[in-house]
PDB file of N, CA and C in Angstrom:
ATOM      1  N   MET A   1      -5.677 -11.156 -19.989  1.00  0.00           N
ATOM      2  CA  MET A   1      -5.219  -9.835 -19.275  1.00  0.00           C
ATOM      3  C   MET A   1      -5.690  -9.874 -18.107  1.00  0.00           C
ATOM      4  N   LYS A   2      -4.976  -9.505 -16.833  1.00  0.00           N
ATOM      5  CA  LYS A   2      -5.464  -9.391 -15.483  1.00  0.00           C
ATOM      6  C   LYS A   2      -6.172  -8.170 -15.335  1.00  0.00           C
ATOM      7  N   ARG A   3      -7.306  -8.373 -14.593  1.00  0.00           N
ATOM      8  CA  ARG A   3      -7.936  -7.021 -14.457  1.00  0.00           C
ATOM      9  C   ARG A   3      -7.838  -6.576 -12.958  1.00  0.00           C
ATOM     10  N   PRO A   4      -7.770  -5.142 -12.942  1.00  0.00           N
ATOM     11  CA  PRO A   4      -7.499  -4.455 -11.715  1.00  0.00           C
ATOM     12  C   PRO A   4      -8.713  -5.317 -10.585  1.00  0.00           C
ATOM     13  N   HIS A   5      -8.251  -4.814  -9.302  1.00  0.00           N
ATOM     14  CA  HIS A   5      -9.168  -5.195  -8.380  1.00  0.00           C
ATOM     15  C   HIS A   5     -10.270  -4.131  -8.256  1.00  0.00           C
ATOM     16  N   ALA A   6     -11.495  -4.786  -7.905  1.00  0.00           N
ATOM     17  CA  ALA A   6     -12.939  -3.866  -7.810  1.00  0.00           C
ATOM     18  C   ALA A   6     -12.586  -3.015  -6.821  1.00  0.00           C
ATOM     19  N   SER A   7     -13.172  -1.764  -6.965  1.00  0.00           N
ATOM     20  CA  SER A   7     -12.996  -0.675  -5.837  1.00  0.00           C
ATOM     21  C   SER A   7     -14.295  -1.251  -4.777  1.00  0.00           C
ATOM     22  N   ASP A   8     -13.761  -0.572  -3.606  1.00  0.00           N
ATOM     23  CA  ASP A   8     -14.850  -0.791  -2.805  1.00  0.00           C
ATOM     24  C   ASP A   8     -16.349  -0.386  -2.913  1.00  0.00           C
ATOM     25  N   ASP A   9     -16.413   0.661  -3.715  1.00  0.00           N
ATOM     26  CA  ASP A   9     -17.630   1.311  -4.194  1.00  0.00           C
ATOM     27  C   ASP A   9     -18.479   0.107  -5.064  1.00  0.00           C
ATOM     28  N   VAL A  10     -17.633  -0.499  -5.915  1.00  0.00           N
ATOM     29  CA  VAL A  10     -18.353  -1.560  -6.904  1.00  0.00           C
ATOM     30  C   VAL A  10     -18.417  -2.728  -5.771  1.00  0.00           C
ATOM     31  N   ARG A  11     -18.057  -3.122  -4.926  1.00  0.00           N
ATOM     32  CA  ARG A  11     -18.289  -4.135  -4.022  1.00  0.00           C
ATOM     33  C   ARG A  11     -19.621  -3.855  -3.357  1.00  0.00           C
ATOM     34  N   GLU A  12     -19.511  -2.589  -2.779  1.00  0.00           N
ATOM     35  CA  GLU A  12     -20.909  -2.179  -2.116  1.00  0.00           C
ATOM     36  C   GLU A  12     -22.063  -2.042  -2.770  1.00  0.00           C
ATOM     37  N   ARG A  13     -21.787  -1.704  -4.135  1.00  0.00           N
ATOM     38  CA  ARG A  13     -23.077  -1.625  -4.925  1.00  0.00           C
ATOM     39  C   ARG A  13     -23.497  -3.115  -5.552  1.00  0.00           C
ATOM     40  N   ALA A  14     -22.191  -3.822  -5.773  1.00  0.00           N
ATOM     41  CA  ALA A  14     -22.801  -5.278  -6.380  1.00  0.00           C
ATOM     42  C   ALA A  14     -23.686  -5.984  -5.117  1.00  0.00           C
ATOM     43  N   LEU A  15     -22.870  -5.967  -3.796  1.00  0.00           N
ATOM     44  CA  LEU A  15     -23.591  -6.672  -2.610  1.00  0.00           C
ATOM     45  C   LEU A  15     -25.015  -6.021  -2.414  1.00  0.00           C
ATOM     46  N   ALA A  16     -24.988  -4.775  -2.594  1.00  0.00           N
ATOM     47  CA  ALA A  16     -26.438  -4.063  -2.162  1.00  0.00           C
ATOM     48  C   ALA A  16     -27.508  -4.847  -3.399  1.00  0.00           C
ATOM     49  N   ALA A  17     -26.975  -4.803  -4.643  1.00  0.00           N
ATOM     50  CA  ALA A  17     -27.911  -5.186  -5.544  1.00  0.00           C
ATOM     51  C   ALA A  17     -28.401  -6.883  -5.175  1.00  0.00           C
ATOM     52  N   ILE A  18     -27.272  -7.648  -4.844  1.00  0.00           N
ATOM     53  CA  ILE A  18     -27.719  -9.175  -4.260  1.00  0.00           C
ATOM     54  C   ILE A  18     -28.526  -8.949  -3.243  1.00  0.00           C
ATOM     55  N   ASP A  19     -28.651  -8.021  -2.127  1.00  0.00           N
ATOM     56  CA  ASP A  19     -29.487  -7.931  -1.115  1.00  0.00           C
ATOM     57  C   ASP A  19     -30.834  -7.509  -1.626  1.00  0.00           C
ATOM     58  N   GLU A  20     -30.916  -6.624  -2.514  1.00  0.00           N
ATOM     59  CA  GLU A  20     -32.198  -6.481  -3.113  1.00  0.00           C
ATOM     60  C   GLU A  20     -32.871  -7.381  -3.727  1.00  0.00           C
ATOM     61  N   GLY A  21     -32.093  -8.713  -3.833  1.00  0.00           N
ATOM     62  CA  GLY A  21     -32.873  -9.883  -4.464  1.00  0.00           C
ATOM     63  C   GLY A  21     -32.367 -10.307  -5.934  1.00  0.00           C
ATOM     64  N   ARG A  22     -31.391  -9.487  -6.479  1.00  0.00           N
ATOM     65  CA  ARG A  22     -31.064  -9.939  -7.734  1.00  0.00           C
ATOM     66  C   ARG A  22     -30.164 -10.818  -7.666  1.00  0.00           C
ATOM     67  N   SER A  23     -30.115 -11.768  -8.898  1.00  0.00           N
ATOM     68  CA  SER A  23     -29.260 -13.087  -9.002  1.00  0.00           C
ATOM     69  C   SER A  23     -27.952 -12.801  -8.983  1.00  0.00           C
ATOM     70  N   VAL A  24     -27.013 -13.507  -8.365  1.00  0.00           N
ATOM     71  CA  VAL A  24     -25.580 -13.332  -8.611  1.00  0.00           C
ATOM     72  C   VAL A  24     -24.774 -13.281  -9.937  1.00  0.00           C
ATOM     73  N   VAL A  25     -25.474 -14.112 -10.844  1.00  0.00           N
ATOM     74  CA  VAL A  25     -25.129 -14.000 -12.115  1.00  0.00           C
ATOM     75  C   VAL A  25     -25.499 -12.823 -12.796  1.00  0.00           C
ATOM     76  N   ASP A  26     -26.620 -12.103 -12.615  1.00  0.00           N
ATOM     77  CA  ASP A  26     -27.161 -11.006 -13.185  1.00  0.00           C
ATOM     78  C   ASP A  26     -26.141  -9.890 -12.821  1.00  0.00           C
ATOM     79  N   VAL A  27     -25.911  -9.848 -11.524  1.00  0.00           N
ATOM     80  CA  VAL A  27     -25.160  -8.758 -10.910  1.00  0.00           C
ATOM     81  C   VAL A  27     -23.681  -8.786 -11.349  1.00  0.00           C
ATOM     82  N   ALA A  28     -23.344 -10.148 -11.351  1.00  0.00           N
ATOM     83  CA  ALA A  28     -21.898 -10.487 -12.087  1.00  0.00           C
ATOM     84  C   ALA A  28     -21.605  -9.795 -13.205  1.00  0.00           C
ATOM     85  N   ALA A  29     -22.801 -10.144 -14.109  1.00  0.00           N
ATOM     86  CA  ALA A  29     -22.774  -9.597 -15.616  1.00  0.00           C
ATOM     87  C   ALA A  29     -22.781  -8.105 -15.662  1.00  0.00           C
ATOM     88  N   PHE A  30     -23.373  -7.541 -14.541  1.00  0.00           N
ATOM     89  CA  PHE A  30     -23.620  -6.168 -14.859  1.00  0.00           C
ATOM     90  C   PHE A  30     -22.454  -5.261 -14.336  1.00  0.00           C
ATOM     91  N   PHE A  31     -21.794  -5.838 -13.571  1.00  0.00           N
ATOM     92  CA  PHE A  31     -20.625  -5.217 -12.887  1.00  0.00           C
ATOM     93  C   PHE A  31     -19.372  -5.828 -13.523  1.00  0.00           C
ATOM     94  N   GLN A  32     -19.505  -6.559 -14.433  1.00  0.00           N
ATOM     95  CA  GLN A  32     -18.330  -7.256 -15.187  1.00  0.00           C
ATOM     96  C   GLN A  32     -17.407  -8.066 -14.345  1.00  0.00           C
ATOM     97  N   ASN A  33     -17.688  -8.768 -13.336  1.00  0.00           N
ATOM     98  CA  ASN A  33     -17.116  -9.886 -12.460  1.00  0.00           C
ATOM     99  C   ASN A  33     -17.327 -10.916 -12.649  1.00  0.00           C
ATOM    100  N   ASP A  34     -16.777 -12.145 -12.137  1.00  0.00           N
ATOM    101  CA  ASP A  34     -17.233 -13.578 -12.167  1.00  0.00           C
ATOM    102  C   ASP A  34     -17.934 -13.839 -11.166  1.00  0.00           C
ATOM    103  N   PRO A  35     -19.214 -14.544 -11.265  1.00  0.00           N
ATOM    104  CA  PRO A  35     -20.105 -14.817 -10.346  1.00  0.00           C
ATOM    105  C   PRO A  35     -19.168 -15.479  -9.137  1.00  0.00           C
ATOM    106  N   SER A  36     -18.291 -16.282  -9.416  1.00  0.00           N
ATOM    107  CA  SER A  36     -17.338 -16.807  -8.065  1.00  0.00           C
ATOM    108  C   SER A  36     -16.824 -15.703  -7.374  1.00  0.00           C
ATOM    109  N   THR A  37     -16.494 -14.537  -7.964  1.00  0.00           N
ATOM    110  CA  THR A  37     -15.982 -13.298  -7.236  1.00  0.00           C
ATOM    111  C   THR A  37     -17.183 -12.813  -6.392  1.00  0.00           C
ATOM    112  N   LEU A  38     -18.192 -12.533  -6.667  1.00  0.00           N
ATOM    113  CA  LEU A  38     -19.247 -12.103  -5.850  1.00  0.00           C
ATOM    114  C   LEU A  38     -19.773 -12.974  -4.794  1.00  0.00           C
ATOM    115  N   ARG A  39     -19.420 -14.336  -5.191  1.00  0.00           N
ATOM    116  CA  ARG A  39     -20.074 -15.341  -4.067  1.00  0.00           C
ATOM    117  C   ARG A  39     -18.867 -15.182  -2.892  1.00  0.00           C
ATOM    118  N   ARG A  40     -17.569 -15.044  -3.486  1.00  0.00           N
ATOM    119  CA  ARG A  40     -16.468 -14.901  -2.235  1.00  0.00           C
ATOM    120  C   ARG A  40     -16.747 -13.669  -1.524  1.00  0.00           C
ATOM    121  N   TRP A  41     -17.128 -12.441  -2.149  1.00  0.00           N
ATOM    122  CA  TRP A  41     -17.495 -11.175  -1.510  1.00  0.00           C
ATOM    123  C   TRP A  41     -18.471 -11.677  -0.556  1.00  0.00           C
ATOM    124  N   ILE A  42     -19.612 -12.311  -0.814  1.00  0.00           N
ATOM    125  CA  ILE A  42     -20.910 -12.722   0.081  1.00  0.00           C
ATOM    126  C   ILE A  42     -20.082 -13.539   1.348  1.00  0.00           C
ATOM    127  N   ARG A  43     -19.313 -14.685   0.878  1.00  0.00           N
ATOM    128  CA  ARG A  43     -18.744 -15.178   1.943  1.00  0.00           C
ATOM    129  C   ARG A  43     -17.959 -14.398   2.962  1.00  0.00           C
ATOM    130  N   GLN A  44     -17.151 -13.666   2.200  1.00  0.00           N
ATOM    131  CA  GLN A  44     -16.471 -12.805   3.245  1.00  0.00           C
ATOM    132  C   GLN A  44     -17.237 -11.795   4.240  1.00  0.00           C
ATOM    133  N   ARG A  45     -18.200 -11.391   3.524  1.00  0.00           N
ATOM    134  CA  ARG A  45     -19.096 -10.137   4.425  1.00  0.00           C
ATOM    135  C   ARG A  45     -19.686 -11.291   5.348  1.00  0.00           C
ATOM    136  N   THR A  46     -20.273 -12.438   5.269  1.00  0.00           N
ATOM    137  CA  THR A  46     -20.806 -13.268   6.130  1.00  0.00           C
ATOM    138  C   THR A  46     -19.783 -13.603   7.379  1.00  0.00           C
ATOM    139  N   ARG A  47     -18.524 -13.903   6.914  1.00  0.00           N
ATOM    140  CA  ARG A  47     -17.681 -14.235   7.734  1.00  0.00           C
ATOM    141  C   ARG A  47     -17.291 -13.078   8.697  1.00  0.00           C
ATOM    142  N   THR A  48     -16.854 -11.956   8.092  1.00  0.00           N
ATOM    143  CA  THR A  48     -15.937 -10.896   8.715  1.00  0.00           C
ATOM    144  C   THR A  48     -16.805  -9.551   8.883  1.00  0.00           C
ATOM    145  N   GLY A  49     -18.258  -9.590   8.350  1.00  0.00           N
ATOM    146  CA  GLY A  49     -19.099  -8.492   8.677  1.00  0.00           C
ATOM    147  C   GLY A  49     -18.957  -7.514   7.585  1.00  0.00           C
ATOM    148  N   SER A  50     -17.826  -7.405   6.776  1.00  0.00           N
ATOM    149  CA  SER A  50     -17.721  -6.708   5.848  1.00  0.00           C
ATOM    150  C   SER A  50     -17.301  -7.074   4.361  1.00  0.00           C
ATOM    151  N   GLY A  51     -17.770  -6.539   3.322  1.00  0.00           N
ATOM    152  CA  GLY A  51     -17.428  -7.125   2.080  1.00  0.00           C
ATOM    153  C   GLY A  51     -16.365  -6.457   1.366  1.00  0.00           C
ATOM    154  N   LEU A  52     -15.769  -5.256   2.024  1.00  0.00           N
ATOM    155  CA  LEU A  52     -15.016  -4.421   1.212  1.00  0.00           C
ATOM    156  C   LEU A  52     -13.586  -5.190   1.368  1.00  0.00           C
ATOM    157  N   SER A  53     -12.702  -4.589   0.466  1.00  0.00           N
ATOM    158  CA  SER A  53     -11.458  -5.289   0.184  1.00  0.00           C
ATOM    159  C   SER A  53     -10.491  -5.165   1.438  1.00  0.00           C
ATOM    160  N   ARG A  54      -9.701  -6.228   1.716  1.00  0.00           N
ATOM    161  CA  ARG A  54      -8.693  -6.300   2.816  1.00  0.00           C
ATOM    162  C   ARG A  54      -7.530  -5.808   2.316  1.00  0.00           C
ATOM    163  N   PRO A  55      -6.740  -5.261   3.296  1.00  0.00           N
ATOM    164  CA  PRO A  55      -5.484  -4.750   3.071  1.00  0.00           C
ATOM    165  C   PRO A  55      -4.708  -5.724   2.323  1.00  0.00           C
ATOM    166  N   ARG A  56      -4.021  -5.214   1.376  1.00  0.00           N
ATOM    167  CA  ARG A  56      -2.885  -6.251   0.785  1.00  0.00           C
ATOM    168  C   ARG A  56      -1.441  -6.040   1.102  1.00  0.00           C
ATOM    169  N   PRO A  57      -1.023  -6.546   2.044  1.00  0.00           N
ATOM    170  CA  PRO A  57       0.432  -6.211   2.453  1.00  0.00           C
ATOM    171  C   PRO A  57       1.419  -6.570   1.406  1.00  0.00           C
ATOM    172  N   GLY A  58       2.484  -5.575   1.537  1.00  0.00           N
ATOM    173  CA  GLY A  58       3.457  -5.680   0.531  1.00  0.00           C
ATOM    174  C   GLY A  58       4.819  -6.134   1.212  1.00  0.00           C
ATOM    175  N   PRO A  59       5.997  -6.123   0.698  1.00  0.00           N
ATOM    176  CA  PRO A  59       7.226  -6.598   1.245  1.00  0.00           C
ATOM    177  C   PRO A  59       7.234  -5.434   2.491  1.00  0.00           C
ATOM    178  N   ARG A  60       8.248  -6.137   3.374  1.00  0.00           N
ATOM    179  CA  ARG A  60       8.290  -5.433   4.577  1.00  0.00           C
ATOM    180  C   ARG A  60       9.342  -4.242   4.052  1.00  0.00           C
ATOM    181  N   ARG A  61       8.950  -3.082   5.206  1.00  0.00           N
ATOM    182  CA  ARG A  61      10.128  -1.943   4.974  1.00  0.00           C
ATOM    183  C   ARG A  61      11.532  -2.225   5.160  1.00  0.00           C
ATOM    184  N   LEU A  62      12.509  -1.891   4.273  1.00  0.00           N
ATOM    185  CA  LEU A  62      13.805  -1.846   4.835  1.00  0.00           C
ATOM    186  C   LEU A  62      14.309  -0.909   5.707  1.00  0.00           C
ATOM    187  N   ILE A  63      13.488   0.289   5.960  1.00  0.00           N
ATOM    188  CA  ILE A  63      13.675   1.450   6.897  1.00  0.00           C
ATOM    189  C   ILE A  63      12.344   1.349   7.722  1.00  0.00           C
ATOM    190  N   PRO A  64      12.231   0.342   8.723  1.00  0.00           N
ATOM    191  CA  PRO A  64      10.949   0.424   9.317  1.00  0.00           C
ATOM    192  C   PRO A  64      10.782   1.523  10.162  1.00  0.00           C
ATOM    193  N   ALA A  65       9.339   1.687  10.600  1.00  0.00           N
ATOM    194  CA  ALA A  65       8.882   2.979  11.389  1.00  0.00           C
ATOM    195  C   ALA A  65       9.986   3.087  12.741  1.00  0.00           C
ATOM    196  N   GLU A  66      10.200   2.216  13.151  1.00  0.00           N
ATOM    197  CA  GLU A  66      10.912   2.187  14.710  1.00  0.00           C
ATOM    198  C   GLU A  66      12.372   2.626  14.278  1.00  0.00           C
ATOM    199  N   ARG A  67      12.996   2.649  13.166  1.00  0.00           N
ATOM    200  CA  ARG A  67      14.100   3.300  12.753  1.00  0.00           C
ATOM    201  C   ARG A  67      14.054   4.492  11.899  1.00  0.00           C
ATOM    202  N   GLU A  68      12.858   5.085  12.160  1.00  0.00           N
ATOM    203  CA  GLU A  68      12.871   6.605  11.339  1.00  0.00           C
ATOM    204  C   GLU A  68      13.585   7.468  11.864  1.00  0.00           C
ATOM    205  N   ALA A  69      13.500   7.317  13.344  1.00  0.00           N
ATOM    206  CA  ALA A  69      14.230   8.378  14.298  1.00  0.00           C
ATOM    207  C   ALA A  69      15.716   8.567  13.977  1.00  0.00           C
ATOM    208  N   ASP A  70      16.445   7.369  13.646  1.00  0.00           N
ATOM    209  CA  ASP A  70      17.842   7.012  13.379  1.00  0.00           C
ATOM    210  C   ASP A  70      17.829   7.725  12.001  1.00  0.00           C
ATOM    211  N   LEU A  71      16.940   7.732  11.154  1.00  0.00           N
ATOM    212  CA  LEU A  71      17.038   8.260   9.890  1.00  0.00           C
ATOM    213  C   LEU A  71      17.399   9.766   9.793  1.00  0.00           C
ATOM    214  N   GLN A  72      16.096  10.310  10.835  1.00  0.00           N
ATOM    215  CA  GLN A  72      16.240  11.831  10.980  1.00  0.00           C
ATOM    216  C   GLN A  72      17.462  12.356  11.669  1.00  0.00           C
ATOM    217  N   ALA A  73      18.135  11.372  12.460  1.00  0.00           N
ATOM    218  CA  ALA A  73      19.313  11.899  13.042  1.00  0.00           C
ATOM    219  C   ALA A  73      20.355  12.028  12.085  1.00  0.00           C
ATOM    220  N   VAL A  74      20.472  10.946  11.239  1.00  0.00           N
ATOM    221  CA  VAL A  74      21.423  10.972  10.029  1.00  0.00           C
ATOM    222  C   VAL A  74      21.180  12.386   9.053  1.00  0.00           C
ATOM    223  N   LEU A  75      19.921  12.516   8.708  1.00  0.00           N
ATOM    224  CA  LEU A  75      19.557  13.717   8.000  1.00  0.00           C
ATOM    225  C   LEU A  75      20.062  14.863   8.720  1.00  0.00           C
ATOM    226  N   ARG A  76      19.859  15.069   9.803  1.00  0.00           N
ATOM    227  CA  ARG A  76      20.190  16.157  10.636  1.00  0.00           C
ATOM    228  C   ARG A  76      21.787  16.372  10.567  1.00  0.00           C
ATOM    229  N   ASP A  77      22.643  15.198  10.890  1.00  0.00           N
ATOM    230  CA  ASP A  77      24.062  15.450  10.887  1.00  0.00           C
ATOM    231  C   ASP A  77      24.615  15.542   9.539  1.00  0.00           C
ATOM    232  N   HIS A  78      23.907  15.039   8.213  1.00  0.00           N
ATOM    233  CA  HIS A  78      24.248  15.422   7.046  1.00  0.00           C
ATOM    234  C   HIS A  78      23.308  15.894   6.123  1.00  0.00           C
ATOM    235  N   ALA A  79      22.975  17.083   6.574  1.00  0.00           N
ATOM    236  CA  ALA A  79      21.846  17.877   5.843  1.00  0.00           C
ATOM    237  C   ALA A  79      22.068  17.850   4.235  1.00  0.00           C
ATOM    238  N   ASP A  80      23.401  17.708   4.127  1.00  0.00           N
ATOM    239  CA  ASP A  80      23.715  18.097   2.311  1.00  0.00           C
ATOM    240  C   ASP A  80      24.010  16.885   1.595  1.00  0.00           C
ATOM    241  N   ALA A  81      23.730  15.729   2.196  1.00  0.00           N
ATOM    242  CA  ALA A  81      23.880  14.410   1.644  1.00  0.00           C
ATOM    243  C   ALA A  81      22.834  14.195   0.556  1.00  0.00           C
ATOM    244  N   THR A  82      23.263  13.584  -0.396  1.00  0.00           N
ATOM    245  CA  THR A  82      22.474  13.075  -1.663  1.00  0.00           C
ATOM    246  C   THR A  82      21.861  11.822  -1.142  1.00  0.00           C
ATOM    247  N   LEU A  83      20.596  11.546  -1.876  1.00  0.00           N
ATOM    248  CA  LEU A  83      19.952  10.033  -1.518  1.00  0.00           C
ATOM    249  C   LEU A  83      20.953   9.184  -1.582  1.00  0.00           C
ATOM    250  N   ALA A  84      21.856   9.014  -2.747  1.00  0.00           N
ATOM    251  CA  ALA A  84      22.784   7.977  -2.826  1.00  0.00           C
ATOM    252  C   ALA A  84      23.741   8.028  -1.591  1.00  0.00           C
ATOM    253  N   GLU A  85      24.307   9.094  -0.944  1.00  0.00           N
ATOM    254  CA  GLU A  85      25.039   9.265  -0.035  1.00  0.00           C
ATOM    255  C   GLU A  85      24.118   8.769   1.301  1.00  0.00           C
ATOM    256  N   LEU A  86      23.025   9.031   1.606  1.00  0.00           N
ATOM    257  CA  LEU A  86      22.220   8.682   2.561  1.00  0.00           C
ATOM    258  C   LEU A  86      22.225   7.138   2.573  1.00  0.00           C
ATOM    259  N   CYS A  87      22.176   6.526   1.378  1.00  0.00           N
ATOM    260  CA  CYS A  87      22.031   4.955   1.374  1.00  0.00           C
ATOM    261  C   CYS A  87      23.218   4.592   1.907  1.00  0.00           C
ATOM    262  N   ALA A  88      24.429   5.078   1.425  1.00  0.00           N
ATOM    263  CA  ALA A  88      25.686   4.656   2.084  1.00  0.00           C
ATOM    264  C   ALA A  88      25.751   4.593   3.332  1.00  0.00           C
ATOM    265  N   LEU A  89      25.224   5.839   4.010  1.00  0.00           N
ATOM    266  CA  LEU A  89      25.574   6.009   5.414  1.00  0.00           C
ATOM    267  C   LEU A  89      24.447   4.990   6.025  1.00  0.00           C
ATOM    268  N   TRP A  90      23.449   4.641   5.424  1.00  0.00           N
ATOM    269  CA  TRP A  90      22.639   3.876   6.009  1.00  0.00           C
ATOM    270  C   TRP A  90      23.141   2.517   5.986  1.00  0.00           C
ATOM    271  N   LEU A  91      23.701   2.069   5.227  1.00  0.00           N
ATOM    272  CA  LEU A  91      24.404   0.833   4.895  1.00  0.00           C
ATOM    273  C   LEU A  91      25.520   0.638   5.934  1.00  0.00           C
ATOM    274  N   LYS A  92      26.424   1.743   6.304  1.00  0.00           N
ATOM    275  CA  LYS A  92      27.224   1.689   7.088  1.00  0.00           C
ATOM    276  C   LYS A  92      26.656   1.538   8.639  1.00  0.00           C
ATOM    277  N   ARG A  93      25.787   2.120   8.820  1.00  0.00           N
ATOM    278  CA  ARG A  93      25.243   2.127  10.288  1.00  0.00           C
ATOM    279  C   ARG A  93      24.515   1.072  10.451  1.00  0.00           C
ATOM    280  N   HIS A  94      23.584   0.434   9.738  1.00  0.00           N
ATOM    281  CA  HIS A  94      22.665  -0.786   9.927  1.00  0.00           C
ATOM    282  C   HIS A  94      22.799  -1.774   9.436  1.00  0.00           C
ATOM    283  N   MET A  95      23.960  -1.659   8.305  1.00  0.00           N
ATOM    284  CA  MET A  95      24.113  -3.196   7.627  1.00  0.00           C
ATOM    285  C   MET A  95      22.938  -3.627   6.741  1.00  0.00           C
ATOM    286  N   VAL A  96      22.340  -2.728   6.408  1.00  0.00           N
ATOM    287  CA  VAL A  96      20.990  -2.857   5.343  1.00  0.00           C
ATOM    288  C   VAL A  96      21.356  -1.966   3.929  1.00  0.00           C
ATOM    289  N   ALA A  97      21.451  -2.578   2.993  1.00  0.00           N
ATOM    290  CA  ALA A  97      21.335  -1.740   1.811  1.00  0.00           C
ATOM    291  C   ALA A  97      20.287  -1.594   1.286  1.00  0.00           C
ATOM    292  N   VAL A  98      19.912  -0.089   1.103  1.00  0.00           N
ATOM    293  CA  VAL A  98      18.580   0.250   0.443  1.00  0.00           C
ATOM    294  C   VAL A  98      18.937   1.181  -0.947  1.00  0.00           C
ATOM    295  N   SER A  99      17.886   0.989  -1.729  1.00  0.00           N
ATOM    296  CA  SER A  99      18.057   1.582  -3.033  1.00  0.00           C
ATOM    297  C   SER A  99      17.691   3.120  -2.666  1.00  0.00           C
ATOM    298  N   VAL A 100      18.025   4.076  -3.782  1.00  0.00           N
ATOM    299  CA  VAL A 100      17.950   5.112  -3.896  1.00  0.00           C
ATOM    300  C   VAL A 100      16.468   5.602  -3.710  1.00  0.00           C
ATOM    301  N   SER A 101      15.644   4.907  -4.526  1.00  0.00           N
ATOM    302  CA  SER A 101      14.282   5.088  -4.545  1.00  0.00           C
ATOM    303  C   SER A 101      13.620   4.869  -3.169  1.00  0.00           C
ATOM    304  N   THR A 102      13.968   3.806  -2.687  1.00  0.00           N
ATOM    305  CA  THR A 102      13.722   3.514  -0.940  1.00  0.00           C
ATOM    306  C   THR A 102      13.889   4.627  -0.270  1.00  0.00           C
ATOM    307  N   MET A 103      14.997   5.053  -0.300  1.00  0.00           N
ATOM    308  CA  MET A 103      15.606   6.151   0.651  1.00  0.00           C
ATOM    309  C   MET A 103      14.622   7.472   0.300  1.00  0.00           C
ATOM    310  N   GLY A 104      14.437   7.759  -0.905  1.00  0.00           N
ATOM    311  CA  GLY A 104      13.683   8.960  -1.126  1.00  0.00           C
ATOM    312  C   GLY A 104      12.141   8.563  -0.756  1.00  0.00           C
ATOM    313  N   ARG A 105      11.683   7.424  -0.894  1.00  0.00           N
ATOM    314  CA  ARG A 105      10.186   7.602  -0.347  1.00  0.00           C
ATOM    315  C   ARG A 105      10.192   7.566   0.981  1.00  0.00           C
ATOM    316  N   THR A 106      11.205   7.069   1.747  1.00  0.00           N
ATOM    317  CA  THR A 106      11.145   7.147   3.307  1.00  0.00           C
ATOM    318  C   THR A 106      11.137   8.519   3.756  1.00  0.00           C
ATOM    319  N   VAL A 107      12.264   9.378   2.994  1.00  0.00           N
ATOM    320  CA  VAL A 107      12.435  10.824   3.439  1.00  0.00           C
ATOM    321  C   VAL A 107      11.275  11.457   3.185  1.00  0.00           C
ATOM    322  N   ARG A 108      10.551  11.285   2.093  1.00  0.00           N
ATOM    323  CA  ARG A 108       9.200  11.882   1.405  1.00  0.00           C
ATOM    324  C   ARG A 108       8.284  11.596   2.708  1.00  0.00           C
ATOM    325  N   ARG A 109       8.099  10.151   3.101  1.00  0.00           N
ATOM    326  CA  ARG A 109       7.069   9.878   4.119  1.00  0.00           C
ATOM    327  C   ARG A 109       7.529  10.802   5.514  1.00  0.00           C
ATOM    328  N   LEU A 110       8.537  11.104   6.060  1.00  0.00           N
ATOM    329  CA  LEU A 110       8.917  11.878   7.111  1.00  0.00           C
ATOM    330  C   LEU A 110       8.549  13.191   6.915  1.00  0.00           C
ATOM    331  N   GLY A 111       8.319  13.858   5.443  1.00  0.00           N
ATOM    332  CA  GLY A 111       7.900  15.071   5.341  1.00  0.00           C
ATOM    333  C   GLY A 111       9.167  15.848   5.141  1.00  0.00           C
ATOM    334  N   ILE A 112      10.244  15.119   4.941  1.00  0.00           N
ATOM    335  CA  ILE A 112      11.570  16.212   4.765  1.00  0.00           C
ATOM    336  C   ILE A 112      11.844  16.301   3.408  1.00  0.00           C
ATOM    337  N   THR A 113      12.287  17.639   3.171  1.00  0.00           N
ATOM    338  CA  THR A 113      12.918  17.688   1.772  1.00  0.00           C
ATOM    339  C   THR A 113      14.255  17.700   1.673  1.00  0.00           C
ATOM    340  N   LEU A 114      14.987  17.746   0.596  1.00  0.00           N
ATOM    341  CA  LEU A 114      16.262  17.543   0.398  1.00  0.00           C
ATOM    342  C   LEU A 114      16.897  18.575  -0.232  1.00  0.00           C
ATOM    343  N   LYS A 115      16.516  20.039   0.167  1.00  0.00           N
ATOM    344  CA  LYS A 115      16.763  20.966  -0.983  1.00  0.00           C
ATOM    345  C   LYS A 115      18.437  21.370  -0.203  1.00  0.00           C
ATOM    346  N   LYS A 116      19.137  21.573  -1.302  1.00  0.00           N
ATOM    347  CA  LYS A 116      20.599  21.742  -0.937  1.00  0.00           C
ATOM    348  C   LYS A 116      20.681  23.302  -0.720  1.00  0.00           C
ATOM    349  N   SER A 117      21.892  23.405   0.102  1.00  0.00           N
ATOM    350  CA  SER A 117      22.297  24.676   0.297  1.00  0.00           C
ATOM    351  C   SER A 117      23.423  24.885  -0.792  1.00  0.00           C
ATOM    352  N   ARG A 118      23.643  26.140  -1.057  1.00  0.00           N
ATOM    353  CA  ARG A 118      24.605  26.339  -1.870  1.00  0.00           C
ATOM    354  C   ARG A 118      25.860  27.101  -1.456  1.00  0.00           C
TER     355      ARG A 118
END
């Protein structure tokens, strides 16, 4: 079973324990990590100055930040549109198909609610 990534707090405490003179093997056993992981953290800290976790990039956004103004214009023009309708409008305007989930996350990130009028 794959373990989750160690939090930055665990990394800091583990590296501090090693700095205090404890052995890598003992610290790894205490924090339930592999010694090679702690050695990698030490190498990273030596190389970059920080032993904290690096950002993990995900896939590129289908509605990038530079297109969010376009989406806001679509939302103004079609205030009563559902997420599925917004997806269809986005496909028609930008030739990029997005899922309802993607559209919902983007609209939420913009701080816009889709409360419908009656």
